[in-house]
C-alpha atoms as a PDB file:
ATOM      1  CA  MET A   1      13.512  -5.867 -31.624  1.00  0.00           C
ATOM      2  CA  LYS A   2      16.019  -7.761 -29.507  1.00  0.00           C
ATOM      3  CA  LYS A   3      17.703  -4.475 -28.474  1.00  0.00           C
ATOM      4  CA  ILE A   4      14.360  -3.086 -27.289  1.00  0.00           C
ATOM      5  CA  TYR A   5      13.742  -6.146 -25.073  1.00  0.00           C
ATOM      6  CA  ILE A   6      17.233  -5.910 -23.590  1.00  0.00           C
ATOM      7  CA  THR A   7      16.778  -2.174 -22.931  1.00  0.00           C
ATOM      8  CA  VAL A   8      13.390  -2.709 -21.274  1.00  0.00           C
ATOM      9  CA  ILE A   9      14.764  -5.519 -19.090  1.00  0.00           C
ATOM     10  CA  CYS A  10      17.776  -3.392 -18.078  1.00  0.00           C
ATOM     11  CA  LEU A  11      15.524  -0.433 -17.202  1.00  0.00           C
ATOM     12  CA  LEU A  12      13.209  -2.699 -15.201  1.00  0.00           C
ATOM     13  CA  ALA A  13      16.129  -4.231 -13.294  1.00  0.00           C
ATOM     14  CA  ALA A  14      17.623  -0.789 -12.592  1.00  0.00           C
ATOM     15  CA  SER A  15      14.302   0.564 -11.327  1.00  0.00           C
ATOM     16  CA  ILE A  16      13.865  -2.443  -9.001  1.00  0.00           C
ATOM     17  CA  VAL A  17      17.384  -1.988  -7.607  1.00  0.00           C
ATOM     18  CA  ILE A  18      16.788   1.745  -7.040  1.00  0.00           C
ATOM     19  CA  PHE A  19      13.425   1.040  -5.391  1.00  0.00           C
ATOM     20  CA  ILE A  20      14.894  -1.508  -2.955  1.00  0.00           C
ATOM     21  CA  SER A  21      17.932   0.639  -2.164  1.00  0.00           C
ATOM     22  CA  SER A  22      15.660   3.602  -1.334  1.00  0.00           C
ATOM     23  CA  PHE A  23      13.995   1.520   1.410  1.00  0.00           C
ATOM     24  CA  VAL A  24      17.385   0.505   2.791  1.00  0.00           C
ATOM     25  CA  TYR A  25      18.507   4.159   2.782  1.00  0.00           C
ATOM     26  CA  LEU A  26      15.336   5.350   4.531  1.00  0.00           C
ATOM     27  CA  ASP A  27      15.610   2.584   7.127  1.00  0.00           C
ATOM     28  CA  LYS A  28      19.212   3.515   7.935  1.00  0.00           C
ATOM     29  CA  ASN A  29      18.313   7.198   8.355  1.00  0.00           C
ATOM     30  CA  LYS A  30      15.374   6.551  10.689  1.00  0.00           C
ATOM     31  CA  ARG A  31      17.181   4.090  12.963  1.00  0.00           C
ATOM     32  CA  LYS A  32      20.135   4.753  15.223  1.00  0.00           C
ATOM     33  CA  THR A  33      21.871   2.412  17.650  1.00  0.00           C
ATOM     34  CA  TYR A  34      23.870   3.542  20.681  1.00  0.00           C
ATOM     35  CA  TYR A  35      26.154   1.395  22.839  1.00  0.00           C
ATOM     36  CA  TYR A  36      27.148   2.181  26.434  1.00  0.00           C
ATOM     37  CA  VAL A  37      29.429   0.418  28.921  1.00  0.00           C
ATOM     38  CA  ILE A  38      28.459   0.447  32.614  1.00  0.00           C
ATOM     39  CA  ASN A  39      31.449   1.063  34.852  1.00  0.00           C
ATOM     40  CA  SER A  40      31.357   0.805  38.648  1.00  0.00           C
ATOM     41  CA  SER A  41      34.360   1.303  40.934  1.00  0.00           C
ATOM     42  CA  GLY A  42      36.772   1.192  38.031  1.00  0.00           C
ATOM     43  CA  ARG A  43      35.551  -2.067  36.499  1.00  0.00           C
ATOM     44  CA  ASP A  44      33.084  -2.810  33.727  1.00  0.00           C
ATOM     45  CA  ILE A  45      29.961  -4.521  35.050  1.00  0.00           C
ATOM     46  CA  GLY A  46      27.730  -4.498  31.979  1.00  0.00           C
ATOM     47  CA  ALA A  47      26.658  -3.024  28.669  1.00  0.00           C
ATOM     48  CA  VAL A  48      23.576  -1.258  27.326  1.00  0.00           C
ATOM     49  CA  ARG A  49      22.336  -1.088  23.734  1.00  0.00           C
ATOM     50  CA  VAL A  50      19.750   1.573  22.820  1.00  0.00           C
ATOM     51  CA  ASP A  51      17.872   1.442  19.493  1.00  0.00           C
ATOM     52  CA  LYS A  52      16.017   4.556  18.356  1.00  0.00           C
ATOM     53  CA  PHE A  53      13.333   4.181  15.663  1.00  0.00           C
ATOM     54  CA  VAL A  54      11.434   7.011  13.995  1.00  0.00           C
ATOM     55  CA  THR A  55       8.179   5.934  12.375  1.00  0.00           C
ATOM     56  CA  GLU A  56       5.462   7.974  10.697  1.00  0.00           C
ATOM     57  CA  ASP A  57       3.526   8.636  13.889  1.00  0.00           C
ATOM     58  CA  SER A  58       5.808   7.684  16.790  1.00  0.00           C
ATOM     59  CA  LEU A  59       9.299   7.643  18.253  1.00  0.00           C
ATOM     60  CA  ILE A  60      10.427   4.339  19.788  1.00  0.00           C
ATOM     61  CA  TYR A  61      13.354   3.644  22.116  1.00  0.00           C
ATOM     62  CA  LYS A  62      14.287   0.029  22.852  1.00  0.00           C
ATOM     63  CA  THR A  63      17.013  -0.804  25.356  1.00  0.00           C
ATOM     64  CA  ALA A  64      18.705  -4.066  26.225  1.00  0.00           C
ATOM     65  CA  ALA A  65      21.047  -4.143  29.212  1.00  0.00           C
ATOM     66  CA  ALA A  66      23.202  -7.064  30.263  1.00  0.00           C
ATOM     67  CA  MET A  67      24.975  -6.819  33.600  1.00  0.00           C
ATOM     68  CA  PRO A  68      26.551 -10.219  34.242  1.00  0.00           C
ATOM     69  CA  TYR A  69      28.862  -8.908  36.990  1.00  0.00           C
ATOM     70  CA  ASP A  70      26.212  -6.978  38.946  1.00  0.00           C
ATOM     71  CA  GLU A  71      24.914  -8.604  42.121  1.00  0.00           C
ATOM     72  CA  ILE A  72      21.243  -7.675  41.662  1.00  0.00           C
ATOM     73  CA  THR A  73      20.137  -7.283  38.048  1.00  0.00           C
ATOM     74  CA  THR A  74      21.497  -9.556  35.345  1.00  0.00           C
ATOM     75  CA  GLU A  75      19.350  -8.642  32.326  1.00  0.00           C
ATOM     76  CA  ALA A  76      16.892  -5.842  31.549  1.00  0.00           C
ATOM     77  CA  ARG A  77      14.863  -4.859  28.473  1.00  0.00           C
ATOM     78  CA  SER A  78      12.601  -1.858  28.045  1.00  0.00           C
ATOM     79  CA  LYS A  79      10.627  -0.108  25.337  1.00  0.00           C
ATOM     80  CA  ILE A  80       9.299   3.466  25.342  1.00  0.00           C
ATOM     81  CA  VAL A  81       6.901   4.743  22.662  1.00  0.00           C
ATOM     82  CA  TYR A  82       6.194   8.467  22.191  1.00  0.00           C
ATOM     83  CA  ASP A  83       3.657  10.013  19.813  1.00  0.00           C
ATOM     84  CA  ARG A  84       4.293  12.976  17.482  1.00  0.00           C
ATOM     85  CA  LYS A  85       3.905  15.470  20.333  1.00  0.00           C
ATOM     86  CA  TYR A  86       6.460  13.539  22.443  1.00  0.00           C
ATOM     87  CA  SER A  87       3.874  12.441  24.998  1.00  0.00           C
ATOM     88  CA  LEU A  88       4.184   8.932  26.372  1.00  0.00           C
ATOM     89  CA  GLU A  89       2.133   6.294  24.551  1.00  0.00           C
ATOM     90  CA  SER A  90       3.454   3.193  26.298  1.00  0.00           C
ATOM     91  CA  TYR A  91       6.300   1.901  28.419  1.00  0.00           C
ATOM     92  CA  SER A  92       7.235  -1.696  29.127  1.00  0.00           C
ATOM     93  CA  ALA A  93      10.155  -3.176  31.026  1.00  0.00           C
ATOM     94  CA  GLU A  94      11.319  -6.674  31.870  1.00  0.00           C
ATOM     95  CA  ARG A  95      14.063  -7.422  34.374  1.00  0.00           C
ATOM     96  CA  ALA A  96      15.573 -10.669  35.562  1.00  0.00           C
ATOM     97  CA  ALA A  97      17.183 -10.309  38.983  1.00  0.00           C
ATOM     98  CA  ASN A  98      18.770 -13.482  40.343  1.00  0.00           C
ATOM     99  CA  GLY A  99      16.300 -15.566  38.345  1.00  0.00           C
ATOM    100  CA  ALA A 100      13.212 -13.643  39.569  1.00  0.00           C
ATOM    101  CA  PRO A 101      11.440 -11.952  36.645  1.00  0.00           C
ATOM    102  CA  GLU A 102       9.816  -8.536  37.009  1.00  0.00           C
ATOM    103  CA  THR A 103       7.485  -7.048  34.382  1.00  0.00           C
ATOM    104  CA  ILE A 104       6.129  -3.494  34.227  1.00  0.00           C
ATOM    105  CA  SER A 105       3.743  -2.138  31.607  1.00  0.00           C
ATOM    106  CA  VAL A 106       2.255   1.365  31.347  1.00  0.00           C
ATOM    107  CA  GLU A 107      -0.090   2.463  28.552  1.00  0.00           C
ATOM    108  CA  LYS A 108      -1.855   5.754  27.933  1.00  0.00           C
ATOM    109  CA  LYS A 109      -5.614   5.455  27.552  1.00  0.00           C
ATOM    110  CA  ASP A 110      -8.181   8.141  26.683  1.00  0.00           C
ATOM    111  CA  ASN A 111      -8.001  10.260  29.840  1.00  0.00           C
ATOM    112  CA  GLY A 112      -5.900   8.026  32.047  1.00  0.00           C
ATOM    113  CA  VAL A 113      -3.141   5.493  32.341  1.00  0.00           C
ATOM    114  CA  SER A 114      -3.236   1.697  32.483  1.00  0.00           C
ATOM    115  CA  PHE A 115      -0.537   0.215  34.726  1.00  0.00           C
ATOM    116  CA  VAL A 116       0.387  -3.447  35.321  1.00  0.00           C
ATOM    117  CA  SER A 117       3.295  -4.768  37.340  1.00  0.00           C
ATOM    118  CA  ARG A 118       4.233  -8.374  38.084  1.00  0.00           C
ATOM    119  CA  LEU A 119       7.012  -9.641  40.316  1.00  0.00           C
ATOM    120  CA  ASN A 120       8.026 -13.333  40.299  1.00  0.00           C
END
């Protein structure tokens, strides 16, 4: 009887480990990260990181750019969401230029587009 309990516990533990590892595997396959270096006049002025997510019904790109040596823009973040047919669902961007924040948001509605922009 003791061997049956040990076998059942081992099978349960193995199935839990396989179940959790399948989620980790699927998450790694549906997400990719790209890194870029911004070069101007022979010197590096910043870096960009792009994350690509594939979900059940959409494709999402998130970018984060840091340009500490640029004179205008110091930090920028944006997010683009596409649906299954690769049409734009929403776009949002935030930039900080010399301490002045700028926000842009675009969303697709039924037969139109909703747009909001804020500076300072």
